[in-house]
Amino acid sequence: MRLLTLCLILALGLTAGCSRFITYSGPEVTRIEVHKSSRQMYLFHHDELLESYEFELGFAPVGHKTTEGDGRTPEGRYMIDRRNPNSEYYLSIGLNYPNEADRAQARERGVSPGGDIFIHGTNREFRRRDDWTAGCIAVSNRDMREIYAMVQDGTIIDIFP
């Protein structure tokens, strides 16, 4: 019985540091800037830079997303509107793409604007690959843990070419 108790305590101790979820107690992230051309993402508290991250984009990264399946990442102002702790790509936070302007533009052309644009982690099979997503913004899993903890729903995200 002592051996079983010792094994359980040891197992719990070893897995305690492996959680996807960390706590963040710093300043509120009030906005995110994504610069597609330099592959840099910045998290700000008003004008104070809190963190920066490198990322990968969709398989056709140049230009604004206009059509489902085009492999582009949207450009413009959006908002973080959801989170997925059970993401296929580790953890993820979602953007409110398409917005009304995106839907209207797609409607005029008779196409779907697409959707489900996220900032997410990276599965092992895609590590060290350039621009592999379907239009999302992919960061390392370590970075995604921080971003997931720091960024709340309702945060503004500006995506620049």
N, C-alpha and C. Protein backbone atom coordinates (compact mmCIF):
# COMPACT_ATOMS: atom_id res chain seq x y z
N MET A 1 0.83 -1.20 0.00
CA MET A 1 0.00 0.00 0.00
C MET A 1 0.87 1.26 0.00
N ARG A 2 1.96 1.23 0.78
CA ARG A 2 2.87 2.38 0.80
C ARG A 2 3.49 2.62 -0.58
N LEU A 3 3.84 1.53 -1.23
CA LEU A 3 4.45 1.64 -2.56
C LEU A 3 3.46 2.26 -3.55
N LEU A 4 2.20 1.86 -3.50
CA LEU A 4 1.17 2.42 -4.37
C LEU A 4 0.98 3.90 -4.08
N THR A 5 0.92 4.27 -2.82
CA THR A 5 0.77 5.67 -2.44
C THR A 5 1.96 6.49 -2.94
N LEU A 6 3.16 5.98 -2.76
CA LEU A 6 4.37 6.66 -3.21
C LEU A 6 4.35 6.83 -4.74
N CYS A 7 3.94 5.81 -5.46
CA CYS A 7 3.86 5.88 -6.92
C CYS A 7 2.85 6.93 -7.37
N LEU A 8 1.70 6.99 -6.71
CA LEU A 8 0.68 7.97 -7.06
C LEU A 8 1.17 9.39 -6.80
N ILE A 9 1.82 9.60 -5.68
CA ILE A 9 2.35 10.93 -5.35
C ILE A 9 3.41 11.33 -6.38
N LEU A 10 4.28 10.42 -6.73
CA LEU A 10 5.32 10.68 -7.70
C LEU A 10 4.70 11.00 -9.07
N ALA A 11 3.72 10.23 -9.48
CA ALA A 11 3.08 10.46 -10.78
C ALA A 11 2.39 11.82 -10.81
N LEU A 12 1.70 12.18 -9.75
CA LEU A 12 1.05 13.49 -9.69
C LEU A 12 2.08 14.61 -9.72
N GLY A 13 3.16 14.43 -9.04
CA GLY A 13 4.22 15.43 -9.02
C GLY A 13 4.85 15.63 -10.38
N LEU A 14 5.04 14.57 -11.13
CA LEU A 14 5.66 14.66 -12.44
C LEU A 14 4.74 15.30 -13.47
N THR A 15 3.44 15.09 -13.34
CA THR A 15 2.51 15.66 -14.32
C THR A 15 2.06 17.06 -13.95
N ALA A 16 2.32 17.51 -12.75
CA ALA A 16 1.86 18.83 -12.33
C ALA A 16 2.46 19.94 -13.18
N GLY A 17 3.69 19.81 -13.61
CA GLY A 17 4.34 20.84 -14.41
C GLY A 17 4.05 20.73 -15.89
N CYS A 18 3.22 19.80 -16.32
CA CYS A 18 2.97 19.56 -17.74
C CYS A 18 1.67 20.17 -18.23
N SER A 19 1.02 20.99 -17.45
CA SER A 19 -0.26 21.55 -17.83
C SER A 19 -0.13 22.51 -19.00
N ARG A 20 -1.14 22.51 -19.86
CA ARG A 20 -1.20 23.48 -20.96
C ARG A 20 -1.49 24.87 -20.43
N PHE A 21 -2.12 24.93 -19.28
CA PHE A 21 -2.64 26.20 -18.78
C PHE A 21 -1.72 26.80 -17.74
N ILE A 22 -1.35 28.05 -17.98
CA ILE A 22 -0.56 28.79 -17.02
C ILE A 22 -1.35 30.02 -16.60
N THR A 23 -0.93 30.64 -15.53
CA THR A 23 -1.61 31.85 -15.08
C THR A 23 -0.78 33.06 -15.46
N TYR A 24 -1.47 34.14 -15.72
CA TYR A 24 -0.82 35.40 -16.06
C TYR A 24 -1.39 36.46 -15.15
N SER A 25 -0.53 37.19 -14.49
CA SER A 25 -1.01 38.22 -13.57
C SER A 25 -0.43 39.59 -13.90
N GLY A 26 0.07 39.77 -15.12
CA GLY A 26 0.63 41.05 -15.54
C GLY A 26 -0.43 41.99 -16.06
N PRO A 27 0.02 43.07 -16.70
CA PRO A 27 -0.92 44.05 -17.26
C PRO A 27 -1.83 43.41 -18.31
N GLU A 28 -3.03 43.93 -18.43
CA GLU A 28 -4.00 43.44 -19.42
C GLU A 28 -3.48 43.67 -20.83
N VAL A 29 -3.63 42.68 -21.68
CA VAL A 29 -3.34 42.86 -23.10
C VAL A 29 -4.53 43.60 -23.70
N THR A 30 -4.29 44.83 -24.17
CA THR A 30 -5.38 45.65 -24.71
C THR A 30 -5.47 45.57 -26.22
N ARG A 31 -4.37 45.12 -26.87
CA ARG A 31 -4.42 44.95 -28.33
C ARG A 31 -3.27 44.07 -28.78
N ILE A 32 -3.49 43.48 -29.95
CA ILE A 32 -2.49 42.64 -30.60
C ILE A 32 -2.23 43.24 -31.96
N GLU A 33 -0.96 43.28 -32.35
CA GLU A 33 -0.59 43.65 -33.72
C GLU A 33 0.09 42.46 -34.36
N VAL A 34 -0.35 42.13 -35.57
CA VAL A 34 0.25 41.07 -36.35
C VAL A 34 0.79 41.69 -37.63
N HIS A 35 2.09 41.52 -37.86
CA HIS A 35 2.74 42.05 -39.06
C HIS A 35 3.13 40.85 -39.93
N LYS A 36 2.31 40.61 -40.95
CA LYS A 36 2.48 39.41 -41.77
C LYS A 36 3.83 39.36 -42.47
N SER A 37 4.27 40.48 -43.02
CA SER A 37 5.50 40.47 -43.82
C SER A 37 6.73 40.14 -42.99
N SER A 38 6.77 40.56 -41.74
CA SER A 38 7.94 40.27 -40.88
C SER A 38 7.70 39.07 -39.98
N ARG A 39 6.49 38.49 -40.03
CA ARG A 39 6.13 37.33 -39.20
C ARG A 39 6.34 37.63 -37.71
N GLN A 40 5.91 38.83 -37.29
CA GLN A 40 6.02 39.24 -35.90
C GLN A 40 4.65 39.61 -35.35
N MET A 41 4.36 39.12 -34.15
CA MET A 41 3.13 39.45 -33.43
C MET A 41 3.53 40.14 -32.14
N TYR A 42 2.83 41.23 -31.83
CA TYR A 42 3.13 42.02 -30.64
C TYR A 42 1.89 42.11 -29.76
N LEU A 43 2.07 41.88 -28.46
CA LEU A 43 1.00 42.04 -27.49
C LEU A 43 1.28 43.31 -26.69
N PHE A 44 0.29 44.21 -26.65
CA PHE A 44 0.45 45.51 -26.00
C PHE A 44 -0.51 45.68 -24.84
N HIS A 45 -0.08 46.46 -23.86
CA HIS A 45 -0.95 47.06 -22.85
C HIS A 45 -0.92 48.54 -23.18
N HIS A 46 -1.96 49.01 -23.85
CA HIS A 46 -2.01 50.36 -24.42
C HIS A 46 -0.79 50.52 -25.33
N ASP A 47 0.17 51.40 -25.01
CA ASP A 47 1.34 51.59 -25.88
C ASP A 47 2.57 50.84 -25.38
N GLU A 48 2.43 50.09 -24.30
CA GLU A 48 3.56 49.35 -23.73
C GLU A 48 3.62 47.95 -24.34
N LEU A 49 4.76 47.64 -24.96
CA LEU A 49 4.96 46.31 -25.53
C LEU A 49 5.18 45.31 -24.41
N LEU A 50 4.35 44.27 -24.37
CA LEU A 50 4.48 43.23 -23.33
C LEU A 50 5.28 42.04 -23.83
N GLU A 51 4.97 41.56 -25.03
CA GLU A 51 5.64 40.37 -25.58
C GLU A 51 5.62 40.43 -27.10
N SER A 52 6.55 39.72 -27.71
CA SER A 52 6.53 39.56 -29.17
C SER A 52 6.78 38.09 -29.50
N TYR A 53 6.23 37.66 -30.63
CA TYR A 53 6.31 36.26 -31.03
C TYR A 53 6.51 36.17 -32.53
N GLU A 54 7.21 35.13 -32.96
CA GLU A 54 7.31 34.78 -34.37
C GLU A 54 6.18 33.82 -34.70
N PHE A 55 5.77 33.76 -35.97
CA PHE A 55 4.67 32.87 -36.35
C PHE A 55 4.78 32.45 -37.79
N GLU A 56 3.93 31.51 -38.17
CA GLU A 56 3.75 31.07 -39.55
C GLU A 56 2.32 31.41 -39.96
N LEU A 57 2.10 31.49 -41.26
CA LEU A 57 0.80 31.87 -41.80
C LEU A 57 0.24 30.77 -42.70
N GLY A 58 -0.76 31.15 -43.47
CA GLY A 58 -1.36 30.24 -44.44
C GLY A 58 -0.41 29.97 -45.60
N PHE A 59 -0.75 28.97 -46.39
CA PHE A 59 0.12 28.53 -47.49
C PHE A 59 0.20 29.55 -48.63
N ALA A 60 -0.66 30.57 -48.64
CA ALA A 60 -0.61 31.66 -49.63
C ALA A 60 -0.70 32.97 -48.84
N PRO A 61 0.37 33.38 -48.19
CA PRO A 61 0.28 34.41 -47.15
C PRO A 61 0.10 35.85 -47.63
N VAL A 62 0.34 36.15 -48.89
CA VAL A 62 0.29 37.54 -49.36
C VAL A 62 -1.15 37.90 -49.70
N GLY A 63 -1.60 39.05 -49.17
CA GLY A 63 -2.94 39.55 -49.47
C GLY A 63 -3.94 39.21 -48.39
N HIS A 64 -5.09 39.88 -48.48
CA HIS A 64 -6.18 39.71 -47.53
C HIS A 64 -7.02 38.48 -47.89
N LYS A 65 -7.44 37.75 -46.90
CA LYS A 65 -8.31 36.60 -47.12
C LYS A 65 -9.63 37.08 -47.71
N THR A 66 -10.03 36.48 -48.83
CA THR A 66 -11.29 36.87 -49.47
C THR A 66 -12.21 35.70 -49.75
N THR A 67 -11.64 34.49 -49.79
CA THR A 67 -12.40 33.33 -50.22
C THR A 67 -12.01 32.11 -49.40
N GLU A 68 -12.99 31.33 -49.04
CA GLU A 68 -12.72 30.08 -48.33
C GLU A 68 -11.73 29.23 -49.13
N GLY A 69 -10.71 28.73 -48.44
CA GLY A 69 -9.73 27.87 -49.08
C GLY A 69 -8.60 28.57 -49.79
N ASP A 70 -8.55 29.92 -49.72
CA ASP A 70 -7.49 30.64 -50.45
C ASP A 70 -6.13 30.62 -49.74
N GLY A 71 -6.07 30.09 -48.50
CA GLY A 71 -4.80 29.97 -47.79
C GLY A 71 -4.25 31.28 -47.26
N ARG A 72 -5.05 32.33 -47.30
CA ARG A 72 -4.60 33.65 -46.84
C ARG A 72 -5.08 33.91 -45.42
N THR A 73 -4.38 34.82 -44.78
CA THR A 73 -4.75 35.30 -43.44
C THR A 73 -5.39 36.67 -43.62
N PRO A 74 -6.52 36.94 -42.96
CA PRO A 74 -7.17 38.23 -43.15
C PRO A 74 -6.26 39.39 -42.73
N GLU A 75 -6.56 40.56 -43.27
CA GLU A 75 -5.88 41.80 -42.88
C GLU A 75 -6.94 42.78 -42.44
N GLY A 76 -6.62 43.57 -41.44
CA GLY A 76 -7.57 44.55 -40.93
C GLY A 76 -7.75 44.40 -39.43
N ARG A 77 -8.80 45.01 -38.93
CA ARG A 77 -9.10 44.99 -37.49
C ARG A 77 -10.17 43.94 -37.19
N TYR A 78 -9.84 43.09 -36.26
CA TYR A 78 -10.75 42.04 -35.80
C TYR A 78 -10.73 42.00 -34.29
N MET A 79 -11.42 41.03 -33.71
CA MET A 79 -11.48 40.88 -32.26
C MET A 79 -11.34 39.40 -31.91
N ILE A 80 -10.70 39.14 -30.79
CA ILE A 80 -10.65 37.78 -30.27
C ILE A 80 -12.03 37.50 -29.68
N ASP A 81 -12.69 36.45 -30.17
CA ASP A 81 -14.07 36.21 -29.73
C ASP A 81 -14.34 34.82 -29.17
N ARG A 82 -13.31 33.96 -29.13
CA ARG A 82 -13.53 32.63 -28.58
C ARG A 82 -12.19 31.96 -28.29
N ARG A 83 -12.25 30.89 -27.51
CA ARG A 83 -11.04 30.12 -27.18
C ARG A 83 -11.37 28.65 -27.22
N ASN A 84 -10.36 27.87 -27.57
CA ASN A 84 -10.57 26.43 -27.65
C ASN A 84 -9.44 25.73 -26.88
N PRO A 85 -9.75 25.25 -25.67
CA PRO A 85 -8.73 24.55 -24.88
C PRO A 85 -8.47 23.13 -25.39
N ASN A 86 -9.31 22.65 -26.30
CA ASN A 86 -9.17 21.30 -26.86
C ASN A 86 -8.86 21.35 -28.35
N SER A 87 -8.14 22.36 -28.76
CA SER A 87 -7.83 22.55 -30.18
C SER A 87 -7.03 21.40 -30.75
N GLU A 88 -7.25 21.14 -32.01
CA GLU A 88 -6.46 20.17 -32.76
C GLU A 88 -4.99 20.63 -32.81
N TYR A 89 -4.79 21.93 -32.63
CA TYR A 89 -3.45 22.53 -32.67
C TYR A 89 -3.07 23.08 -31.30
N TYR A 90 -3.14 22.24 -30.29
CA TYR A 90 -2.71 22.51 -28.92
C TYR A 90 -3.72 23.37 -28.17
N LEU A 91 -3.62 24.68 -28.29
CA LEU A 91 -4.60 25.63 -27.75
C LEU A 91 -4.87 26.63 -28.87
N SER A 92 -6.02 27.30 -28.82
CA SER A 92 -6.27 28.31 -29.84
C SER A 92 -7.22 29.38 -29.34
N ILE A 93 -7.06 30.57 -29.92
CA ILE A 93 -7.99 31.67 -29.69
C ILE A 93 -8.47 32.15 -31.06
N GLY A 94 -9.78 32.40 -31.17
CA GLY A 94 -10.39 32.69 -32.47
C GLY A 94 -10.62 34.15 -32.73
N LEU A 95 -10.57 34.51 -34.02
CA LEU A 95 -10.85 35.87 -34.48
C LEU A 95 -12.27 35.91 -35.02
N ASN A 96 -12.89 37.09 -34.95
CA ASN A 96 -14.26 37.23 -35.46
C ASN A 96 -14.28 37.47 -36.98
N TYR A 97 -13.42 36.75 -37.69
CA TYR A 97 -13.45 36.74 -39.14
C TYR A 97 -14.43 35.66 -39.60
N PRO A 98 -15.28 35.94 -40.55
CA PRO A 98 -15.42 37.16 -41.32
C PRO A 98 -16.29 38.19 -40.59
N ASN A 99 -15.94 39.46 -40.76
CA ASN A 99 -16.81 40.51 -40.23
C ASN A 99 -17.83 40.87 -41.32
N GLU A 100 -18.66 41.85 -41.06
CA GLU A 100 -19.73 42.18 -42.02
C GLU A 100 -19.16 42.62 -43.37
N ALA A 101 -18.09 43.39 -43.36
CA ALA A 101 -17.48 43.84 -44.62
C ALA A 101 -16.95 42.65 -45.42
N ASP A 102 -16.34 41.69 -44.74
CA ASP A 102 -15.83 40.50 -45.42
C ASP A 102 -16.98 39.69 -46.03
N ARG A 103 -18.08 39.55 -45.28
CA ARG A 103 -19.23 38.80 -45.79
C ARG A 103 -19.86 39.50 -46.99
N ALA A 104 -19.96 40.84 -46.92
CA ALA A 104 -20.56 41.60 -48.03
C ALA A 104 -19.71 41.47 -49.29
N GLN A 105 -18.41 41.57 -49.13
CA GLN A 105 -17.50 41.46 -50.27
C GLN A 105 -17.61 40.08 -50.91
N ALA A 106 -17.67 39.05 -50.08
CA ALA A 106 -17.79 37.69 -50.61
C ALA A 106 -19.15 37.48 -51.28
N ARG A 107 -20.20 38.03 -50.68
CA ARG A 107 -21.54 37.91 -51.24
C ARG A 107 -21.60 38.52 -52.64
N GLU A 108 -20.96 39.70 -52.82
CA GLU A 108 -20.92 40.36 -54.13
C GLU A 108 -20.27 39.47 -55.19
N ARG A 109 -19.29 38.70 -54.77
CA ARG A 109 -18.57 37.82 -55.70
C ARG A 109 -19.17 36.43 -55.78
N GLY A 110 -20.18 36.14 -54.95
CA GLY A 110 -20.84 34.85 -54.99
C GLY A 110 -20.00 33.71 -54.43
N VAL A 111 -19.15 34.03 -53.45
CA VAL A 111 -18.28 33.02 -52.84
C VAL A 111 -18.44 33.04 -51.32
N SER A 112 -17.90 32.03 -50.68
CA SER A 112 -17.84 32.00 -49.22
C SER A 112 -16.56 32.69 -48.77
N PRO A 113 -16.64 33.54 -47.72
CA PRO A 113 -15.42 34.19 -47.24
C PRO A 113 -14.53 33.27 -46.40
N GLY A 114 -15.05 32.10 -46.06
CA GLY A 114 -14.32 31.22 -45.15
C GLY A 114 -14.58 31.62 -43.72
N GLY A 115 -13.81 31.07 -42.82
CA GLY A 115 -13.99 31.37 -41.39
C GLY A 115 -13.03 30.54 -40.57
N ASP A 116 -13.31 30.46 -39.28
CA ASP A 116 -12.48 29.67 -38.36
C ASP A 116 -11.01 30.06 -38.44
N ILE A 117 -10.74 31.36 -38.33
CA ILE A 117 -9.37 31.85 -38.29
C ILE A 117 -8.96 31.95 -36.82
N PHE A 118 -7.83 31.32 -36.49
CA PHE A 118 -7.36 31.25 -35.11
C PHE A 118 -5.88 31.60 -35.01
N ILE A 119 -5.47 31.98 -33.82
CA ILE A 119 -4.07 31.92 -33.42
C ILE A 119 -3.96 30.60 -32.67
N HIS A 120 -3.04 29.75 -33.09
CA HIS A 120 -2.96 28.42 -32.46
C HIS A 120 -1.54 27.91 -32.39
N GLY A 121 -1.38 26.80 -31.68
CA GLY A 121 -0.08 26.14 -31.55
C GLY A 121 0.26 25.36 -32.81
N THR A 122 1.33 24.57 -32.71
CA THR A 122 1.84 23.86 -33.87
C THR A 122 2.04 22.39 -33.55
N ASN A 123 1.39 21.53 -34.31
CA ASN A 123 1.59 20.09 -34.15
C ASN A 123 2.99 19.70 -34.59
N ARG A 124 3.48 18.62 -34.06
CA ARG A 124 4.84 18.15 -34.35
C ARG A 124 5.11 18.05 -35.86
N GLU A 125 4.15 17.55 -36.62
CA GLU A 125 4.38 17.34 -38.05
C GLU A 125 4.63 18.64 -38.82
N PHE A 126 4.24 19.79 -38.26
CA PHE A 126 4.41 21.07 -38.96
C PHE A 126 5.55 21.91 -38.41
N ARG A 127 6.19 21.47 -37.35
CA ARG A 127 7.29 22.25 -36.78
C ARG A 127 8.40 22.39 -37.81
N ARG A 128 9.00 23.56 -37.82
CA ARG A 128 10.10 23.91 -38.74
C ARG A 128 9.65 23.98 -40.20
N ARG A 129 8.35 24.13 -40.43
CA ARG A 129 7.84 24.33 -41.80
C ARG A 129 7.35 25.76 -41.92
N ASP A 130 7.52 26.34 -43.08
CA ASP A 130 7.08 27.71 -43.32
C ASP A 130 5.67 27.74 -43.89
N ASP A 131 4.86 28.64 -43.37
CA ASP A 131 3.54 28.97 -43.92
C ASP A 131 2.75 27.75 -44.38
N TRP A 132 2.24 27.04 -43.42
CA TRP A 132 1.56 25.77 -43.68
C TRP A 132 0.09 25.76 -43.32
N THR A 133 -0.43 26.80 -42.65
CA THR A 133 -1.81 26.76 -42.20
C THR A 133 -2.78 27.04 -43.35
N ALA A 134 -4.07 26.94 -43.05
CA ALA A 134 -5.10 27.25 -44.04
C ALA A 134 -5.49 28.73 -43.99
N GLY A 135 -4.76 29.52 -43.22
CA GLY A 135 -5.05 30.95 -43.06
C GLY A 135 -4.91 31.42 -41.63
N CYS A 136 -4.64 30.50 -40.74
CA CYS A 136 -4.47 30.84 -39.32
C CYS A 136 -3.07 31.38 -39.06
N ILE A 137 -2.86 31.80 -37.82
CA ILE A 137 -1.57 32.28 -37.35
C ILE A 137 -1.05 31.23 -36.38
N ALA A 138 0.05 30.56 -36.72
CA ALA A 138 0.57 29.45 -35.92
C ALA A 138 1.84 29.88 -35.18
N VAL A 139 1.86 29.64 -33.88
CA VAL A 139 3.02 29.92 -33.04
C VAL A 139 3.46 28.60 -32.39
N SER A 140 4.60 28.63 -31.72
CA SER A 140 5.03 27.43 -31.00
C SER A 140 4.05 27.14 -29.86
N ASN A 141 4.01 25.91 -29.42
CA ASN A 141 3.12 25.57 -28.31
C ASN A 141 3.49 26.33 -27.04
N ARG A 142 4.78 26.51 -26.81
CA ARG A 142 5.22 27.28 -25.63
C ARG A 142 4.67 28.71 -25.70
N ASP A 143 4.80 29.32 -26.87
CA ASP A 143 4.27 30.68 -27.04
C ASP A 143 2.75 30.69 -26.91
N MET A 144 2.09 29.66 -27.43
CA MET A 144 0.63 29.61 -27.36
C MET A 144 0.14 29.53 -25.93
N ARG A 145 0.86 28.82 -25.08
CA ARG A 145 0.50 28.78 -23.65
C ARG A 145 0.46 30.18 -23.07
N GLU A 146 1.48 30.97 -23.37
CA GLU A 146 1.54 32.36 -22.86
C GLU A 146 0.41 33.20 -23.45
N ILE A 147 0.25 33.14 -24.77
CA ILE A 147 -0.77 33.94 -25.44
C ILE A 147 -2.16 33.59 -24.92
N TYR A 148 -2.43 32.30 -24.77
CA TYR A 148 -3.73 31.85 -24.27
C TYR A 148 -4.01 32.41 -22.88
N ALA A 149 -2.97 32.47 -22.04
CA ALA A 149 -3.13 33.00 -20.68
C ALA A 149 -3.27 34.52 -20.67
N MET A 150 -2.58 35.20 -21.56
CA MET A 150 -2.53 36.66 -21.54
C MET A 150 -3.70 37.34 -22.23
N VAL A 151 -4.18 36.77 -23.32
CA VAL A 151 -5.17 37.43 -24.18
C VAL A 151 -6.57 36.96 -23.80
N GLN A 152 -7.44 37.92 -23.57
CA GLN A 152 -8.82 37.62 -23.21
C GLN A 152 -9.75 37.86 -24.39
N ASP A 153 -10.92 37.24 -24.36
CA ASP A 153 -11.93 37.50 -25.37
C ASP A 153 -12.26 38.99 -25.33
N GLY A 154 -12.48 39.57 -26.51
CA GLY A 154 -12.76 41.00 -26.61
C GLY A 154 -11.53 41.83 -26.96
N THR A 155 -10.34 41.21 -26.95
CA THR A 155 -9.12 41.94 -27.29
C THR A 155 -9.09 42.24 -28.79
N ILE A 156 -8.72 43.47 -29.13
CA ILE A 156 -8.61 43.91 -30.52
C ILE A 156 -7.32 43.31 -31.12
N ILE A 157 -7.43 42.87 -32.38
CA ILE A 157 -6.25 42.40 -33.12
C ILE A 157 -6.21 43.10 -34.47
N ASP A 158 -5.11 43.79 -34.72
CA ASP A 158 -4.89 44.47 -36.00
C ASP A 158 -3.88 43.65 -36.79
N ILE A 159 -4.28 43.25 -38.00
CA ILE A 159 -3.42 42.43 -38.86
C ILE A 159 -3.00 43.26 -40.06
N PHE A 160 -1.68 43.46 -40.18
CA PHE A 160 -1.11 44.29 -41.22
C PHE A 160 -0.45 43.41 -42.29
N PRO A 161 -0.38 43.91 -43.54
CA PRO A 161 0.30 43.13 -44.59
C PRO A 161 1.75 42.82 -44.23
